[in-house]
């Protein structure tokens, strides 16, 4: 089935107090990739609530700050009035963590910041319309068959380190949500004694901490994590994502965005003393593992391994992240 055929009848309500922004969003979504869509607009949350009953949108794209009924109040009102089947995404200039947290806790599908890349908006909308397998995965060489993605690695014997490198999985999930600006992923903790040494390219992040000499922690993204986290955050097109995967090496902007995510992870690393303030010193793409990496897998002051699955990427949507505190 083509993306166009699957999009017939899908309705999008654009809610923003700027008619210019309404037009920009609509133009970005009027593309062959998404096929035919029906649009209506509203200037604030109150007008949107009035239009919902008759228009019955599949997806609401809303600004956050609007006079009268705000975007978050609109989302809450929709859920309180039984409209649980309407997907809601935010397109806003607000980058505050509180905004992200409120959106997620109230069931928003994604938060995309203005100014946005057109492809990032299209990817998020495809997800909101329930067509991620057709828009992204099929562009990466998949069919519309159910995903055959590999299962997360089986849990093995606990790591020798008694303490994890990152305490809160929930905070890590929130950091990932903030980085991608959308949901549609699973992030799970994996207990493993498997040595994390990659033969191919991987992103290696080195963290320091004020008052400590040397490396405080090491973070690792395997190649799939690099191109997925980097590519989706950078708004890369499905074709560009496929090209990266086939080339076996992420491009510069994907590495830049993946490094940005690793920087956001620094405050989540375990503090071994009240004075510790972990920060990212450097992140680089390398095809050769660090000399100490093999021994660090066995002897560390804390280790956290994570399995990431991004549903929109189908069988190519599995990746691994690892964080280890040095001794």
Protein backbone atom coordinates (compact mmCIF):
# COMPACT_ATOMS: atom_id res chain seq x y z
CA UNK A 1 0.00 0.00 0.00
CA UNK A 2 1.33 3.44 -0.84
CA UNK A 3 1.71 6.24 1.69
CA UNK A 4 -0.79 8.26 -0.30
CA UNK A 5 -3.47 5.61 -0.14
CA UNK A 6 -2.99 5.20 3.55
CA UNK A 7 -3.31 8.95 4.15
CA UNK A 8 -6.72 9.40 2.52
CA UNK A 9 -9.26 10.79 4.96
CA UNK A 10 -6.70 11.76 7.63
CA UNK A 11 -7.61 15.07 9.26
CA UNK A 12 -5.28 17.52 10.95
CA UNK A 13 -6.33 20.48 13.10
CA UNK A 14 -3.63 23.17 13.32
CA UNK A 15 -3.97 25.37 16.41
CA UNK A 16 -1.86 28.52 16.64
CA UNK A 17 -2.57 32.18 17.35
CA UNK A 18 -0.34 33.11 14.38
CA UNK A 19 -1.95 32.69 10.97
CA UNK A 20 1.54 32.80 9.44
CA UNK A 21 2.61 29.78 11.49
CA UNK A 22 -0.60 27.98 10.55
CA UNK A 23 0.28 28.49 6.89
CA UNK A 24 3.91 27.42 7.36
CA UNK A 25 2.87 24.18 9.07
CA UNK A 26 0.28 23.42 6.41
CA UNK A 27 2.74 24.03 3.55
CA UNK A 28 5.30 21.77 5.21
CA UNK A 29 2.76 18.95 5.38
CA UNK A 30 1.38 19.31 1.87
CA UNK A 31 3.82 16.88 0.29
CA UNK A 32 3.82 13.65 -1.68
CA UNK A 33 5.41 11.84 1.24
CA UNK A 34 2.33 12.29 3.44
CA UNK A 35 -0.23 12.17 0.64
CA UNK A 36 -3.67 13.81 0.84
CA UNK A 37 -4.58 15.38 4.18
CA UNK A 38 -7.58 17.45 5.24
CA UNK A 39 -6.76 20.57 7.27
CA UNK A 40 -8.63 22.95 9.50
CA UNK A 41 -7.17 25.71 11.67
CA UNK A 42 -8.00 27.33 14.98
CA UNK A 43 -6.54 30.46 16.57
CA UNK A 44 -6.59 29.22 20.17
CA UNK A 45 -7.52 26.25 22.33
CA UNK A 46 -11.12 27.34 22.83
CA UNK A 47 -11.79 27.57 19.10
CA UNK A 48 -10.08 24.19 18.63
CA UNK A 49 -12.40 22.55 21.16
CA UNK A 50 -15.39 23.94 19.27
CA UNK A 51 -14.12 22.46 15.99
CA UNK A 52 -13.21 19.04 17.32
CA UNK A 53 -16.77 17.70 17.47
CA UNK A 54 -17.61 18.39 13.83
CA UNK A 55 -14.16 18.00 12.21
CA UNK A 56 -13.12 14.90 14.22
CA UNK A 57 -9.37 15.33 13.66
CA UNK A 58 -6.98 12.39 13.72
CA UNK A 59 -4.19 14.68 14.89
CA UNK A 60 -4.09 18.07 16.60
CA UNK A 61 -0.96 20.18 16.10
CA UNK A 62 -0.99 22.90 18.74
CA UNK A 63 1.10 25.81 19.91
CA UNK A 64 1.84 25.86 23.64
CA UNK A 65 1.32 29.51 24.59
CA UNK A 66 -1.92 31.02 23.29
CA UNK A 67 -4.37 33.57 24.73
CA UNK A 68 -7.33 32.05 26.51
CA UNK A 69 -7.04 28.25 26.43
CA UNK A 70 -3.40 27.24 26.11
CA UNK A 71 -2.08 24.18 24.30
CA UNK A 72 -1.66 22.06 27.43
CA UNK A 73 -5.14 23.08 28.60
CA UNK A 74 -6.48 22.04 25.20
CA UNK A 75 -4.86 18.61 25.54
CA UNK A 76 -6.21 18.17 29.07
CA UNK A 77 -9.69 19.21 27.97
CA UNK A 78 -9.64 16.73 25.10
CA UNK A 79 -8.76 13.88 27.42
CA UNK A 80 -11.28 14.95 30.06
CA UNK A 81 -14.06 14.99 27.47
CA UNK A 82 -13.31 11.49 26.26
CA UNK A 83 -11.27 12.25 23.13
CA UNK A 84 -8.57 9.71 23.93
CA UNK A 85 -8.20 8.61 20.31
CA UNK A 86 -7.03 12.02 19.04
CA UNK A 87 -3.25 12.25 18.84
CA UNK A 88 -1.83 15.60 20.01
CA UNK A 89 1.56 17.07 19.19
CA UNK A 90 3.01 20.46 20.11
CA UNK A 91 4.90 22.88 17.86
CA UNK A 92 6.24 25.58 20.15
CA UNK A 93 9.09 27.96 20.87
CA UNK A 94 9.06 26.87 24.54
CA UNK A 95 12.13 24.75 25.26
CA UNK A 96 11.70 24.55 29.03
CA UNK A 97 12.00 21.14 30.70
CA UNK A 98 8.70 21.83 32.45
CA UNK A 99 6.98 22.07 29.08
CA UNK A 100 8.39 18.73 27.99
CA UNK A 101 7.46 17.08 31.28
CA UNK A 102 3.88 18.40 31.21
CA UNK A 103 3.42 17.34 27.61
CA UNK A 104 4.64 13.85 28.28
CA UNK A 105 2.68 13.35 31.50
CA UNK A 106 -0.52 14.38 29.71
CA UNK A 107 0.01 11.99 26.82
CA UNK A 108 1.34 14.26 24.06
CA UNK A 109 2.86 12.34 21.18
CA UNK A 110 5.69 14.79 20.56
CA UNK A 111 7.00 18.30 21.20
CA UNK A 112 8.70 19.98 18.24
CA UNK A 113 10.42 23.32 18.71
CA UNK A 114 10.15 26.29 16.37
CA UNK A 115 11.86 26.92 14.05
CA UNK A 116 11.53 23.34 12.86
CA UNK A 117 12.91 21.35 9.95
CA UNK A 118 10.12 20.37 7.56
CA UNK A 119 11.22 16.74 7.53
CA UNK A 120 11.22 16.56 11.33
CA UNK A 121 7.61 17.80 11.33
CA UNK A 122 6.62 15.31 8.62
CA UNK A 123 8.21 12.42 10.51
CA UNK A 124 6.38 13.39 13.71
CA UNK A 125 3.06 13.79 11.89
CA UNK A 126 3.48 10.40 10.19
CA UNK A 127 3.92 8.90 13.64
CA UNK A 128 0.85 10.74 14.91
CA UNK A 129 -1.24 9.39 12.06
CA UNK A 130 -0.19 5.85 12.88
CA UNK A 131 1.67 5.49 9.61
CA UNK A 132 5.27 5.31 10.82
CA UNK A 133 5.85 1.86 9.32
CA UNK A 134 4.84 3.17 5.89
CA UNK A 135 6.59 6.53 5.97
CA UNK A 136 9.89 5.78 7.63
CA UNK A 137 10.47 2.03 7.70
CA UNK A 138 9.38 1.46 4.13
CA UNK A 139 11.72 4.22 3.00
CA UNK A 140 14.51 2.30 4.71
CA UNK A 141 13.82 -0.77 2.59
CA UNK A 142 11.08 -2.35 4.76
CA UNK A 143 7.64 -3.55 3.70
CA UNK A 144 4.37 -2.99 5.49
CA UNK A 145 4.70 -6.39 7.16
CA UNK A 146 5.00 -6.50 10.95
CA UNK A 147 8.42 -5.61 12.26
CA UNK A 148 10.95 -8.41 12.52
CA UNK A 149 13.22 -6.39 14.78
CA UNK A 150 15.40 -8.41 17.07
CA UNK A 151 14.34 -8.73 20.67
CA UNK A 152 16.32 -6.92 23.36
CA UNK A 153 19.35 -8.87 24.57
CA UNK A 154 18.41 -11.47 27.16
CA UNK A 155 19.15 -10.61 30.75
CA UNK A 156 22.32 -12.29 31.90
CA UNK A 157 24.10 -12.39 35.22
CA UNK A 158 24.24 -9.00 36.95
CA UNK A 159 27.24 -6.84 36.26
CA UNK A 160 30.02 -6.92 38.83
CA UNK A 161 29.45 -3.26 39.61
CA UNK A 162 26.99 -2.97 42.47
CA UNK A 163 25.81 0.48 41.43
CA UNK A 164 24.46 1.61 38.06
CA UNK A 165 26.05 4.50 36.22
CA UNK A 166 22.60 6.09 35.82
CA UNK A 167 20.01 5.73 38.56
CA UNK A 168 16.80 6.81 36.86
CA UNK A 169 15.49 5.10 33.73
CA UNK A 170 12.53 7.51 33.80
CA UNK A 171 14.83 10.54 33.64
CA UNK A 172 16.75 8.94 30.79
CA UNK A 173 13.50 8.34 28.91
CA UNK A 174 12.57 11.98 29.45
CA UNK A 175 15.96 13.13 28.14
CA UNK A 176 15.39 11.02 25.04
CA UNK A 177 11.87 12.41 24.62
CA UNK A 178 13.25 15.95 24.89
CA UNK A 179 16.00 15.19 22.38
CA UNK A 180 13.78 13.58 19.75
CA UNK A 181 10.76 15.80 20.41
CA UNK A 182 8.46 12.80 20.05
CA UNK A 183 7.45 9.52 21.59
CA UNK A 184 7.22 6.20 19.76
CA UNK A 185 10.22 4.51 21.35
CA UNK A 186 10.99 1.95 24.04
CA UNK A 187 14.02 2.36 26.28
CA UNK A 188 14.79 -0.51 28.64
CA UNK A 189 17.61 -1.36 31.00
CA UNK A 190 19.65 -4.45 30.14
CA UNK A 191 21.69 -6.37 32.69
CA UNK A 192 24.60 -7.88 30.83
CA UNK A 193 28.17 -9.04 31.30
CA UNK A 194 28.79 -8.80 27.56
CA UNK A 195 31.84 -6.73 26.71
CA UNK A 196 30.75 -3.60 24.90
CA UNK A 197 33.41 -3.43 22.19
CA UNK A 198 32.26 -2.48 18.69
CA UNK A 199 34.12 -3.33 15.49
CA UNK A 200 32.29 -0.65 13.53
CA UNK A 201 31.93 3.08 14.19
CA UNK A 202 30.58 4.13 17.56
CA UNK A 203 30.25 7.43 19.38
CA UNK A 204 32.50 7.59 22.44
CA UNK A 205 31.72 10.28 25.02
CA UNK A 206 34.18 11.15 27.77
CA UNK A 207 32.85 12.86 30.89
CA UNK A 208 34.70 14.78 33.55
CA UNK A 209 33.72 16.22 36.92
CA UNK A 210 34.86 19.33 38.74
CA UNK A 211 37.51 18.54 41.32
CA UNK A 212 38.39 15.16 39.80
CA UNK A 213 41.32 14.40 37.55
CA UNK A 214 40.98 12.26 34.47
CA UNK A 215 37.87 10.69 32.99
CA UNK A 216 34.85 10.42 35.30
CA UNK A 217 32.69 8.29 32.99
CA UNK A 218 32.48 6.91 29.46
CA UNK A 219 29.33 6.84 27.35
CA UNK A 220 28.91 4.75 24.19
CA UNK A 221 26.40 4.82 21.36
CA UNK A 222 26.59 2.00 18.84
CA UNK A 223 26.24 2.84 15.15
CA UNK A 224 22.43 2.38 15.01
CA UNK A 225 22.01 4.66 18.05
CA UNK A 226 24.21 7.27 16.36
CA UNK A 227 22.32 7.51 13.10
CA UNK A 228 18.89 7.13 14.69
CA UNK A 229 19.27 9.65 17.54
CA UNK A 230 21.30 11.97 15.36
CA UNK A 231 19.22 11.64 12.22
CA UNK A 232 15.78 12.00 13.78
CA UNK A 233 16.84 14.99 15.89
CA UNK A 234 18.45 16.63 12.84
CA UNK A 235 15.27 16.15 10.79
CA UNK A 236 16.99 13.93 8.20
CA UNK A 237 14.75 12.61 5.44
CA UNK A 238 14.04 8.86 5.24
CA UNK A 239 16.24 8.73 2.14
CA UNK A 240 19.14 10.34 4.01
CA UNK A 241 18.64 7.93 6.92
CA UNK A 242 18.71 4.97 4.55
CA UNK A 243 21.84 6.29 2.84
CA UNK A 244 23.58 6.61 6.21
CA UNK A 245 22.62 3.10 7.26
CA UNK A 246 23.83 1.62 3.99
CA UNK A 247 27.09 3.58 4.13
CA UNK A 248 27.76 2.26 7.64
CA UNK A 249 28.82 5.66 8.97
CA UNK A 250 26.75 8.57 10.35
CA UNK A 251 27.20 11.95 8.70
CA UNK A 252 28.45 15.09 10.43
CA UNK A 253 25.08 16.50 11.49
CA UNK A 254 23.99 13.12 12.84
CA UNK A 255 27.15 12.92 14.93
CA UNK A 256 26.57 16.47 16.12
CA UNK A 257 23.02 15.70 17.27
CA UNK A 258 24.05 12.38 18.85
CA UNK A 259 26.77 14.25 20.76
CA UNK A 260 24.15 16.75 21.89
CA UNK A 261 22.15 13.90 23.41
CA UNK A 262 25.24 12.61 25.23
CA UNK A 263 25.79 16.09 26.65
CA UNK A 264 22.23 16.07 27.99
CA UNK A 265 22.98 12.77 29.73
CA UNK A 266 25.81 14.21 31.85
CA UNK A 267 23.60 15.45 34.74
CA UNK A 268 21.98 11.98 34.97
CA UNK A 269 25.26 10.20 35.73
CA UNK A 270 25.53 9.01 39.31
CA UNK A 271 27.28 11.42 41.64
CA UNK A 272 29.84 9.58 43.73
CA UNK A 273 30.22 12.55 46.05
CA UNK A 274 28.12 15.64 46.82
CA UNK A 275 30.61 17.82 44.94
CA UNK A 276 30.53 15.87 41.70
CA UNK A 277 29.12 17.71 38.67
CA UNK A 278 29.57 15.47 35.61
CA UNK A 279 29.95 17.30 32.30
CA UNK A 280 30.74 16.16 28.77
CA UNK A 281 34.37 16.80 27.89
CA UNK A 282 34.36 15.41 24.37
CA UNK A 283 32.41 13.10 22.07
CA UNK A 284 33.88 11.63 18.92
CA UNK A 285 33.11 8.99 16.35
CA UNK A 286 35.63 6.18 16.37
CA UNK A 287 35.99 2.82 14.65
CA UNK A 288 38.64 1.80 17.17
CA UNK A 289 37.62 1.19 20.79
CA UNK A 290 39.45 2.98 23.56
CA UNK A 291 42.41 1.04 24.92
CA UNK A 292 40.81 0.89 28.36
CA UNK A 293 37.34 0.01 27.10
CA UNK A 294 37.65 -3.77 27.40
CA UNK A 295 38.93 -3.59 30.97
CA UNK A 296 36.36 -0.94 31.85
CA UNK A 297 33.61 -3.38 30.93
CA UNK A 298 34.89 -5.72 33.64
CA UNK A 299 36.14 -3.23 36.23
CA UNK A 300 34.11 -0.08 36.67
CA UNK A 301 32.50 1.94 39.44
CA UNK A 302 29.04 1.56 37.91
CA UNK A 303 27.56 0.53 34.58
CA UNK A 304 24.22 1.02 32.83
CA UNK A 305 23.37 -0.70 29.53
CA UNK A 306 20.23 0.35 27.67
CA UNK A 307 18.32 -1.10 24.74
CA UNK A 308 16.55 1.40 22.48
CA UNK A 309 13.84 0.56 19.97
CA UNK A 310 12.33 3.25 17.74
CA UNK A 311 9.10 1.88 16.30
CA UNK A 312 9.05 4.15 13.25
CA UNK A 313 12.22 2.53 11.91
CA UNK A 314 10.90 -1.01 11.89
CA UNK A 315 13.50 -3.77 11.80
CA UNK A 316 16.30 -1.20 11.73
CA UNK A 317 15.09 0.51 14.90
CA UNK A 318 17.17 -1.33 17.53
CA UNK A 319 20.20 0.22 19.19
CA UNK A 320 22.32 0.07 22.30
CA UNK A 321 23.64 2.69 24.70
CA UNK A 322 26.09 2.14 27.53
CA UNK A 323 27.45 4.31 30.36
CA UNK A 324 30.28 3.33 32.69
CA UNK A 325 31.86 5.13 35.64
CA UNK A 326 35.64 4.85 35.74
CA UNK A 327 37.51 3.55 38.77
